[in-house]
Amino acid sequence: MLAALEHTVYLHCRVHHLGDRVVSGGGGGWWWWVMVVVVGDLRVVTWIRKRDVHVLTVALFTYTKDSRFTALHSEASNDWTLRLASPQVSDSGTYECQVSTDPSISRIFQLQVVGEFEKFTQW
């Protein structure tokens, strides 16, 4: 996915038909554990930046100090969106939309942030 430097980008992840699943967290040391039995069609999505395995958001909670990242989701929707405001070339890389189920469900996004001139010459 190409994104223009300084122009907000949205990564869209759609989650369908999870049914009954076990959603789990992880831990060790200062990490915490959470295990929730999901009944019905509850969807919990985590957005991860793969280059440093940094958890950006879990559900609608933001876990990064970088306020440019925000998770967007409407209650009645299957769509989970990662919003990145003012992307920089250094934000280029792999992002993962992950549903922490057993077995794990995920979608990978490859983001390339380019300058304005590059954006128009590549299209």
C-alpha atoms as a PDB file:
ATOM      1  CA  MET A   1       0.000   0.000   0.000  1.00  0.00           C
ATOM      2  CA  LEU A   2       1.387   3.402  -0.982  1.00  0.00           C
ATOM      3  CA  ALA A   3       0.859   6.387   1.297  1.00  0.00           C
ATOM      4  CA  ALA A   4       1.839   9.997   0.696  1.00  0.00           C
ATOM      5  CA  LEU A   5       4.170  11.713   3.130  1.00  0.00           C
ATOM      6  CA  GLU A   6       2.214  13.731   5.745  1.00  0.00           C
ATOM      7  CA  HIS A   7      -1.206  12.529   4.450  1.00  0.00           C
ATOM      8  CA  THR A   8      -3.251  10.438   6.893  1.00  0.00           C
ATOM      9  CA  VAL A   9      -3.377   6.760   5.954  1.00  0.00           C
ATOM     10  CA  TYR A  10      -5.966   4.163   6.991  1.00  0.00           C
ATOM     11  CA  LEU A  11      -5.287   0.415   7.155  1.00  0.00           C
ATOM     12  CA  HIS A  12      -8.602  -1.465   7.076  1.00  0.00           C
ATOM     13  CA  CYS A  13      -9.066  -4.916   8.573  1.00  0.00           C
ATOM     14  CA  ARG A  14     -12.397  -6.745   8.390  1.00  0.00           C
ATOM     15  CA  VAL A  15     -13.173  -9.475  10.946  1.00  0.00           C
ATOM     16  CA  HIS A  16     -16.070 -11.884  10.294  1.00  0.00           C
ATOM     17  CA  HIS A  17     -17.752 -14.875  11.888  1.00  0.00           C
ATOM     18  CA  LEU A  18     -15.452 -15.720  14.761  1.00  0.00           C
ATOM     19  CA  GLY A  19     -18.095 -17.717  16.582  1.00  0.00           C
ATOM     20  CA  ASP A  20     -17.001 -19.139  19.948  1.00  0.00           C
ATOM     21  CA  ARG A  21     -13.260 -18.695  20.442  1.00  0.00           C
ATOM     22  CA  VAL A  22     -10.767 -18.287  23.262  1.00  0.00           C
ATOM     23  CA  VAL A  23      -9.045 -14.899  23.267  1.00  0.00           C
ATOM     24  CA  SER A  24      -5.776 -14.850  25.192  1.00  0.00           C
ATOM     25  CA  GLY A  25      -3.000 -12.448  26.133  1.00  0.00           C
ATOM     26  CA  GLY A  26       0.557 -13.114  27.147  1.00  0.00           C
ATOM     27  CA  GLY A  27       3.048 -12.209  29.751  1.00  0.00           C
ATOM     28  CA  GLY A  28       6.092 -12.733  31.828  1.00  0.00           C
ATOM     29  CA  GLY A  29       7.965 -10.307  34.043  1.00  0.00           C
ATOM     30  CA  TRP A  30       6.078  -7.028  33.923  1.00  0.00           C
ATOM     31  CA  TRP A  31       3.641  -8.295  31.282  1.00  0.00           C
ATOM     32  CA  TRP A  32       0.100  -9.309  32.213  1.00  0.00           C
ATOM     33  CA  TRP A  33      -2.123 -12.217  31.255  1.00  0.00           C
ATOM     34  CA  VAL A  34      -5.712 -12.098  30.204  1.00  0.00           C
ATOM     35  CA  MET A  35      -7.913 -14.931  29.041  1.00  0.00           C
ATOM     36  CA  VAL A  36     -11.483 -14.385  27.968  1.00  0.00           C
ATOM     37  CA  VAL A  37     -13.864 -16.976  26.603  1.00  0.00           C
ATOM     38  CA  VAL A  38     -15.635 -15.326  23.708  1.00  0.00           C
ATOM     39  CA  VAL A  39     -19.241 -16.330  23.189  1.00  0.00           C
ATOM     40  CA  GLY A  40     -20.972 -15.218  20.040  1.00  0.00           C
ATOM     41  CA  ASP A  41     -19.302 -12.785  17.680  1.00  0.00           C
ATOM     42  CA  LEU A  42     -17.128 -10.506  19.842  1.00  0.00           C
ATOM     43  CA  ARG A  43     -14.110  -9.224  17.931  1.00  0.00           C
ATOM     44  CA  VAL A  44     -10.889  -8.069  19.612  1.00  0.00           C
ATOM     45  CA  VAL A  45      -8.235  -6.772  17.231  1.00  0.00           C
ATOM     46  CA  THR A  46      -4.609  -5.898  17.941  1.00  0.00           C
ATOM     47  CA  TRP A  47      -2.523  -3.776  15.569  1.00  0.00           C
ATOM     48  CA  ILE A  48       1.204  -4.572  15.605  1.00  0.00           C
ATOM     49  CA  ARG A  49       4.144  -2.843  13.908  1.00  0.00           C
ATOM     50  CA  LYS A  50       6.279  -5.814  12.866  1.00  0.00           C
ATOM     51  CA  ARG A  51       9.751  -4.212  12.568  1.00  0.00           C
ATOM     52  CA  ASP A  52      10.017  -3.861  16.344  1.00  0.00           C
ATOM     53  CA  VAL A  53       7.049  -6.101  17.289  1.00  0.00           C
ATOM     54  CA  HIS A  54       5.425  -3.068  18.908  1.00  0.00           C
ATOM     55  CA  VAL A  55       1.779  -3.386  19.946  1.00  0.00           C
ATOM     56  CA  LEU A  56       0.154  -0.185  18.747  1.00  0.00           C
ATOM     57  CA  THR A  57      -3.465  -0.795  19.757  1.00  0.00           C
ATOM     58  CA  VAL A  58      -5.631  -3.466  21.383  1.00  0.00           C
ATOM     59  CA  ALA A  59      -9.333  -3.016  20.683  1.00  0.00           C
ATOM     60  CA  LEU A  60      -9.738   0.770  20.961  1.00  0.00           C
ATOM     61  CA  PHE A  61      -6.920   1.239  23.491  1.00  0.00           C
ATOM     62  CA  THR A  62      -3.660   2.770  22.248  1.00  0.00           C
ATOM     63  CA  TYR A  63      -0.447   1.275  23.679  1.00  0.00           C
ATOM     64  CA  THR A  64       2.098   3.476  21.940  1.00  0.00           C
ATOM     65  CA  LYS A  65       3.268   6.916  23.003  1.00  0.00           C
ATOM     66  CA  ASP A  66       3.113   7.947  19.347  1.00  0.00           C
ATOM     67  CA  SER A  67      -0.236   9.750  19.215  1.00  0.00           C
ATOM     68  CA  ARG A  68      -0.318   9.556  15.406  1.00  0.00           C
ATOM     69  CA  PHE A  69      -1.656   5.974  15.731  1.00  0.00           C
ATOM     70  CA  THR A  70      -5.350   5.455  16.539  1.00  0.00           C
ATOM     71  CA  ALA A  71      -7.667   2.440  16.283  1.00  0.00           C
ATOM     72  CA  LEU A  72     -11.094   3.112  14.804  1.00  0.00           C
ATOM     73  CA  HIS A  73     -14.117   0.828  15.131  1.00  0.00           C
ATOM     74  CA  SER A  74     -17.894   1.213  15.231  1.00  0.00           C
ATOM     75  CA  GLU A  75     -19.733  -1.218  17.499  1.00  0.00           C
ATOM     76  CA  ALA A  76     -21.999  -2.609  14.786  1.00  0.00           C
ATOM     77  CA  SER A  77     -19.178  -2.923  12.255  1.00  0.00           C
ATOM     78  CA  ASN A  78     -16.827  -5.752  11.245  1.00  0.00           C
ATOM     79  CA  ASP A  79     -14.199  -3.176  10.282  1.00  0.00           C
ATOM     80  CA  TRP A  80     -11.184  -2.322  12.429  1.00  0.00           C
ATOM     81  CA  THR A  81      -9.012   0.486  11.107  1.00  0.00           C
ATOM     82  CA  LEU A  82      -5.562   1.683  12.081  1.00  0.00           C
ATOM     83  CA  ARG A  83      -5.266   5.425  11.446  1.00  0.00           C
ATOM     84  CA  LEU A  84      -1.771   6.870  11.025  1.00  0.00           C
ATOM     85  CA  ALA A  85      -1.708  10.665  10.913  1.00  0.00           C
ATOM     86  CA  SER A  86       1.198  12.466   9.232  1.00  0.00           C
ATOM     87  CA  PRO A  87       3.056   9.330   8.130  1.00  0.00           C
ATOM     88  CA  GLN A  88       6.807   9.606   7.585  1.00  0.00           C
ATOM     89  CA  VAL A  89       9.090   7.534   5.358  1.00  0.00           C
ATOM     90  CA  SER A  90      10.338   5.871   8.570  1.00  0.00           C
ATOM     91  CA  ASP A  91       6.791   4.510   9.124  1.00  0.00           C
ATOM     92  CA  SER A  92       7.179   2.318   6.032  1.00  0.00           C
ATOM     93  CA  GLY A  93       7.104  -1.380   6.812  1.00  0.00           C
ATOM     94  CA  THR A  94       4.887  -4.264   7.802  1.00  0.00           C
ATOM     95  CA  TYR A  95       1.817  -3.886  10.021  1.00  0.00           C
ATOM     96  CA  GLU A  96      -0.365  -6.712  11.296  1.00  0.00           C
ATOM     97  CA  CYS A  97      -4.036  -6.780  12.182  1.00  0.00           C
ATOM     98  CA  GLN A  98      -4.290  -9.713  14.590  1.00  0.00           C
ATOM     99  CA  VAL A  99      -7.233 -11.384  16.269  1.00  0.00           C
ATOM    100  CA  SER A 100      -5.883 -13.215  19.323  1.00  0.00           C
ATOM    101  CA  THR A 101      -7.839 -16.415  18.930  1.00  0.00           C
ATOM    102  CA  ASP A 102      -6.824 -20.043  18.999  1.00  0.00           C
ATOM    103  CA  PRO A 103      -5.801 -20.540  16.255  1.00  0.00           C
ATOM    104  CA  SER A 104      -4.568 -17.017  15.538  1.00  0.00           C
ATOM    105  CA  ILE A 105      -6.146 -15.003  12.734  1.00  0.00           C
ATOM    106  CA  SER A 106      -4.207 -12.141  11.149  1.00  0.00           C
ATOM    107  CA  ARG A 107      -3.753  -9.970   8.092  1.00  0.00           C
ATOM    108  CA  ILE A 108      -0.471  -8.392   6.999  1.00  0.00           C
ATOM    109  CA  PHE A 109      -0.184  -4.919   5.457  1.00  0.00           C
ATOM    110  CA  GLN A 110       2.940  -3.649   3.701  1.00  0.00           C
ATOM    111  CA  LEU A 111       3.021   0.152   3.941  1.00  0.00           C
ATOM    112  CA  GLN A 112       5.334   2.314   1.846  1.00  0.00           C
ATOM    113  CA  VAL A 113       5.348   6.037   2.612  1.00  0.00           C
ATOM    114  CA  VAL A 114       6.638   8.142  -0.276  1.00  0.00           C
ATOM    115  CA  GLY A 115       7.157  11.859  -0.867  1.00  0.00           C
ATOM    116  CA  GLU A 116       4.670  13.828  -2.964  1.00  0.00           C
ATOM    117  CA  PHE A 117       6.849  13.823  -6.086  1.00  0.00           C
ATOM    118  CA  GLU A 118       7.472  10.073  -5.885  1.00  0.00           C
ATOM    119  CA  LYS A 119       3.774   9.418  -5.319  1.00  0.00           C
ATOM    120  CA  PHE A 120       2.725  11.058  -8.563  1.00  0.00           C
ATOM    121  CA  THR A 121       5.565   9.733 -10.705  1.00  0.00           C
ATOM    122  CA  GLN A 122       4.887   6.110  -9.668  1.00  0.00           C
ATOM    123  CA  TRP A 123       1.206   6.199 -10.644  1.00  0.00           C
END
